[in-house]
Amino acid sequence: MSKKPTKPVRRPAVKSKANTQSSLLGLALDNDDGHRRLTTGEQFVLVGGSEATHDRMTETVVKTFEELKRRHKHLESVEPKELAEILHKSAPSV
């Protein structure tokens, strides 16, 4: 009696909250001066943009992490809707 080969069972990877790492990525494309701008932090990377745009992204991210700290939350644990609200609130006025 011959056995048919079976396909391996694929189970989705289960990530625990402890192993999850989140980061923010800021990308701006309005640079026309040829200068390459890159700012990195523990949980963010900001790339490109004019000087004004890059400065605005940097200020927004710094204020966002300050607000998360004030709320005693980590980027990994905040819901997307709440994060969007915090980012919007943290963005400097134009």
N, C-alpha and C. Protein backbone atom coordinates (compact mmCIF):
# COMPACT_ATOMS: atom_id res chain seq x y z
N MET A 1 0.83 -1.16 0.00
CA MET A 1 0.00 0.00 0.00
C MET A 1 0.89 1.24 0.00
N SER A 2 0.72 2.10 -0.98
CA SER A 2 1.55 3.30 -1.09
C SER A 2 0.80 4.51 -0.55
N LYS A 3 1.57 5.33 0.12
CA LYS A 3 0.99 6.57 0.66
C LYS A 3 1.21 7.69 -0.33
N LYS A 4 0.21 8.54 -0.48
CA LYS A 4 0.36 9.73 -1.31
C LYS A 4 1.16 10.75 -0.53
N PRO A 5 2.08 11.43 -1.21
CA PRO A 5 2.79 12.48 -0.49
C PRO A 5 1.82 13.59 -0.10
N THR A 6 1.99 14.08 1.08
CA THR A 6 1.12 15.16 1.54
C THR A 6 1.88 16.48 1.50
N LYS A 7 1.13 17.51 1.28
CA LYS A 7 1.71 18.85 1.29
C LYS A 7 1.95 19.27 2.73
N PRO A 8 3.06 19.95 2.97
CA PRO A 8 3.28 20.43 4.33
C PRO A 8 2.22 21.46 4.71
N VAL A 9 1.82 21.41 5.92
CA VAL A 9 0.83 22.36 6.42
C VAL A 9 1.54 23.66 6.78
N ARG A 10 1.09 24.73 6.20
CA ARG A 10 1.67 26.04 6.51
C ARG A 10 0.78 26.77 7.49
N ARG A 11 1.37 27.12 8.56
CA ARG A 11 0.64 27.86 9.57
C ARG A 11 1.14 29.29 9.56
N PRO A 12 0.23 30.24 9.72
CA PRO A 12 0.70 31.63 9.75
C PRO A 12 1.62 31.86 10.94
N ALA A 13 2.60 32.68 10.69
CA ALA A 13 3.53 33.01 11.77
C ALA A 13 2.79 33.80 12.84
N VAL A 14 3.02 33.43 14.04
CA VAL A 14 2.39 34.12 15.17
C VAL A 14 3.46 34.97 15.84
N LYS A 15 3.20 36.25 15.85
CA LYS A 15 4.15 37.16 16.49
C LYS A 15 3.59 37.59 17.82
N SER A 16 4.40 37.49 18.80
CA SER A 16 3.97 37.99 20.10
C SER A 16 4.21 39.49 20.14
N LYS A 17 3.48 40.17 20.97
CA LYS A 17 3.65 41.62 21.10
C LYS A 17 5.08 41.96 21.53
N ALA A 18 5.70 41.09 22.30
CA ALA A 18 7.05 41.35 22.79
C ALA A 18 8.07 41.37 21.65
N ASN A 19 7.82 40.62 20.58
CA ASN A 19 8.76 40.54 19.47
C ASN A 19 8.42 41.51 18.34
N THR A 20 7.35 42.22 18.47
CA THR A 20 6.93 43.14 17.43
C THR A 20 7.65 44.47 17.59
N GLN A 21 8.18 44.97 16.49
CA GLN A 21 8.81 46.28 16.53
C GLN A 21 8.19 47.12 15.42
N SER A 22 7.75 48.29 15.77
CA SER A 22 7.13 49.19 14.82
C SER A 22 8.03 50.39 14.60
N SER A 23 7.91 50.97 13.42
CA SER A 23 8.67 52.16 13.08
C SER A 23 7.83 53.06 12.19
N LEU A 24 8.17 54.32 12.19
CA LEU A 24 7.53 55.28 11.29
C LEU A 24 8.51 55.60 10.17
N LEU A 25 7.97 55.74 8.97
CA LEU A 25 8.76 56.13 7.81
C LEU A 25 8.16 57.40 7.24
N GLY A 26 8.98 58.44 7.12
CA GLY A 26 8.55 59.69 6.50
C GLY A 26 9.30 59.84 5.19
N LEU A 27 8.57 60.09 4.12
CA LEU A 27 9.17 60.24 2.80
C LEU A 27 8.61 61.49 2.14
N ALA A 28 9.49 62.38 1.73
CA ALA A 28 9.06 63.61 1.05
C ALA A 28 9.78 63.71 -0.28
N LEU A 29 9.09 64.20 -1.28
CA LEU A 29 9.65 64.24 -2.63
C LEU A 29 9.74 65.65 -3.20
N ASP A 30 9.62 66.67 -2.36
CA ASP A 30 9.58 68.04 -2.88
C ASP A 30 10.95 68.72 -2.88
N ASN A 31 12.03 67.96 -2.93
CA ASN A 31 13.37 68.52 -2.90
C ASN A 31 13.82 68.90 -4.30
N ASP A 32 14.27 70.14 -4.47
CA ASP A 32 14.82 70.54 -5.77
C ASP A 32 16.19 71.20 -5.63
N ASP A 33 16.79 71.13 -4.42
CA ASP A 33 18.10 71.74 -4.24
C ASP A 33 19.24 70.73 -4.33
N GLY A 34 18.92 69.44 -4.54
CA GLY A 34 19.94 68.43 -4.69
C GLY A 34 20.52 67.90 -3.38
N HIS A 35 20.12 68.48 -2.26
CA HIS A 35 20.62 68.04 -0.96
C HIS A 35 19.89 66.77 -0.54
N ARG A 36 20.62 65.78 -0.05
CA ARG A 36 20.02 64.53 0.42
C ARG A 36 19.84 64.61 1.93
N ARG A 37 18.59 64.51 2.36
CA ARG A 37 18.29 64.63 3.78
C ARG A 37 17.85 63.28 4.33
N LEU A 38 18.43 62.90 5.46
CA LEU A 38 18.10 61.65 6.12
C LEU A 38 18.22 61.86 7.63
N THR A 39 17.14 61.57 8.33
CA THR A 39 17.13 61.68 9.78
C THR A 39 16.61 60.36 10.32
N THR A 40 17.35 59.77 11.27
CA THR A 40 16.93 58.50 11.84
C THR A 40 16.86 58.59 13.35
N GLY A 41 16.01 57.76 13.90
CA GLY A 41 15.87 57.63 15.34
C GLY A 41 15.64 56.17 15.66
N GLU A 42 15.40 55.88 16.93
CA GLU A 42 15.18 54.49 17.33
C GLU A 42 14.01 53.84 16.59
N GLN A 43 12.95 54.60 16.37
CA GLN A 43 11.75 54.03 15.75
C GLN A 43 11.25 54.85 14.57
N PHE A 44 12.13 55.58 13.91
CA PHE A 44 11.69 56.32 12.73
C PHE A 44 12.85 56.56 11.77
N VAL A 45 12.47 56.76 10.51
CA VAL A 45 13.40 57.16 9.46
C VAL A 45 12.68 58.21 8.62
N LEU A 46 13.32 59.35 8.41
CA LEU A 46 12.78 60.41 7.58
C LEU A 46 13.72 60.60 6.40
N VAL A 47 13.17 60.59 5.19
CA VAL A 47 13.99 60.64 3.98
C VAL A 47 13.47 61.73 3.05
N GLY A 48 14.40 62.54 2.55
CA GLY A 48 14.10 63.48 1.48
C GLY A 48 13.38 64.73 1.92
N GLY A 49 12.91 65.44 0.90
CA GLY A 49 12.17 66.66 1.12
C GLY A 49 13.04 67.90 1.08
N SER A 50 12.37 69.02 0.91
CA SER A 50 13.06 70.30 1.00
C SER A 50 13.46 70.51 2.46
N GLU A 51 14.25 71.53 2.72
CA GLU A 51 14.67 71.79 4.10
C GLU A 51 13.45 72.01 4.99
N ALA A 52 12.49 72.80 4.50
CA ALA A 52 11.30 73.11 5.30
C ALA A 52 10.46 71.86 5.55
N THR A 53 10.28 71.04 4.53
CA THR A 53 9.47 69.83 4.67
C THR A 53 10.14 68.84 5.61
N HIS A 54 11.44 68.67 5.47
CA HIS A 54 12.16 67.72 6.33
C HIS A 54 12.11 68.19 7.78
N ASP A 55 12.28 69.48 8.00
CA ASP A 55 12.17 70.03 9.35
C ASP A 55 10.79 69.80 9.93
N ARG A 56 9.76 69.95 9.09
CA ARG A 56 8.38 69.74 9.54
C ARG A 56 8.14 68.28 9.91
N MET A 57 8.67 67.36 9.08
CA MET A 57 8.54 65.93 9.40
C MET A 57 9.23 65.61 10.72
N THR A 58 10.43 66.17 10.91
CA THR A 58 11.20 65.91 12.13
C THR A 58 10.44 66.41 13.35
N GLU A 59 9.92 67.61 13.28
CA GLU A 59 9.17 68.17 14.40
C GLU A 59 7.93 67.33 14.70
N THR A 60 7.25 66.88 13.67
CA THR A 60 6.05 66.07 13.84
C THR A 60 6.37 64.76 14.55
N VAL A 61 7.43 64.09 14.12
CA VAL A 61 7.79 62.81 14.72
C VAL A 61 8.23 62.98 16.18
N VAL A 62 9.02 64.00 16.45
CA VAL A 62 9.47 64.24 17.83
C VAL A 62 8.27 64.50 18.73
N LYS A 63 7.35 65.34 18.30
CA LYS A 63 6.16 65.64 19.11
C LYS A 63 5.26 64.41 19.25
N THR A 64 5.21 63.58 18.21
CA THR A 64 4.40 62.36 18.27
C THR A 64 4.92 61.43 19.35
N PHE A 65 6.23 61.21 19.39
CA PHE A 65 6.79 60.33 20.41
C PHE A 65 6.68 60.94 21.80
N GLU A 66 6.74 62.26 21.90
CA GLU A 66 6.52 62.91 23.20
C GLU A 66 5.08 62.67 23.67
N GLU A 67 4.13 62.76 22.75
CA GLU A 67 2.72 62.54 23.10
C GLU A 67 2.48 61.07 23.48
N LEU A 68 3.09 60.15 22.77
CA LEU A 68 2.96 58.74 23.12
C LEU A 68 3.51 58.49 24.53
N LYS A 69 4.64 59.10 24.84
CA LYS A 69 5.24 58.95 26.17
C LYS A 69 4.31 59.53 27.23
N ARG A 70 3.73 60.70 26.93
CA ARG A 70 2.80 61.33 27.88
C ARG A 70 1.59 60.43 28.15
N ARG A 71 1.15 59.69 27.09
CA ARG A 71 0.00 58.78 27.24
C ARG A 71 0.42 57.41 27.76
N HIS A 72 1.70 57.24 28.05
CA HIS A 72 2.23 55.96 28.54
C HIS A 72 1.95 54.83 27.55
N LYS A 73 2.19 55.10 26.25
CA LYS A 73 1.97 54.11 25.20
C LYS A 73 3.23 53.99 24.35
N HIS A 74 3.35 52.85 23.72
CA HIS A 74 4.45 52.61 22.79
C HIS A 74 3.88 52.54 21.38
N LEU A 75 4.71 52.81 20.40
CA LEU A 75 4.28 52.79 19.01
C LEU A 75 3.65 51.45 18.65
N GLU A 76 4.19 50.35 19.19
CA GLU A 76 3.69 49.01 18.90
C GLU A 76 2.26 48.80 19.40
N SER A 77 1.88 49.51 20.44
CA SER A 77 0.60 49.23 21.09
C SER A 77 -0.51 50.21 20.72
N VAL A 78 -0.18 51.29 20.06
CA VAL A 78 -1.21 52.29 19.74
C VAL A 78 -1.96 51.87 18.47
N GLU A 79 -3.26 52.08 18.47
CA GLU A 79 -4.10 51.74 17.32
C GLU A 79 -3.84 52.73 16.18
N PRO A 80 -3.94 52.29 14.93
CA PRO A 80 -3.68 53.18 13.80
C PRO A 80 -4.50 54.47 13.81
N LYS A 81 -5.75 54.38 14.19
CA LYS A 81 -6.60 55.58 14.23
C LYS A 81 -6.09 56.59 15.26
N GLU A 82 -5.69 56.08 16.42
CA GLU A 82 -5.15 56.95 17.47
C GLU A 82 -3.82 57.56 17.03
N LEU A 83 -2.98 56.75 16.38
CA LEU A 83 -1.70 57.26 15.89
C LEU A 83 -1.91 58.36 14.85
N ALA A 84 -2.87 58.17 13.96
CA ALA A 84 -3.16 59.19 12.96
C ALA A 84 -3.59 60.49 13.62
N GLU A 85 -4.39 60.38 14.66
CA GLU A 85 -4.84 61.57 15.40
C GLU A 85 -3.66 62.28 16.07
N ILE A 86 -2.77 61.49 16.66
CA ILE A 86 -1.60 62.07 17.32
C ILE A 86 -0.69 62.74 16.29
N LEU A 87 -0.44 62.09 15.16
CA LEU A 87 0.39 62.67 14.10
C LEU A 87 -0.21 63.98 13.61
N HIS A 88 -1.51 63.99 13.39
CA HIS A 88 -2.19 65.20 12.91
C HIS A 88 -2.05 66.33 13.92
N LYS A 89 -2.25 65.99 15.18
CA LYS A 89 -2.15 66.98 16.27
C LYS A 89 -0.70 67.49 16.41
N SER A 90 0.27 66.62 16.14
CA SER A 90 1.68 66.96 16.32
C SER A 90 2.29 67.75 15.17
N ALA A 91 1.64 67.74 14.02
CA ALA A 91 2.18 68.43 12.85
C ALA A 91 2.12 69.95 13.06
N PRO A 92 3.21 70.64 12.77
CA PRO A 92 3.19 72.10 12.92
C PRO A 92 2.26 72.73 11.88
N SER A 93 1.70 73.86 12.24
CA SER A 93 0.83 74.59 11.32
C SER A 93 1.64 75.13 10.14
N VAL A 94 1.01 75.14 9.00
CA VAL A 94 1.70 75.65 7.80
C VAL A 94 1.47 77.12 7.65
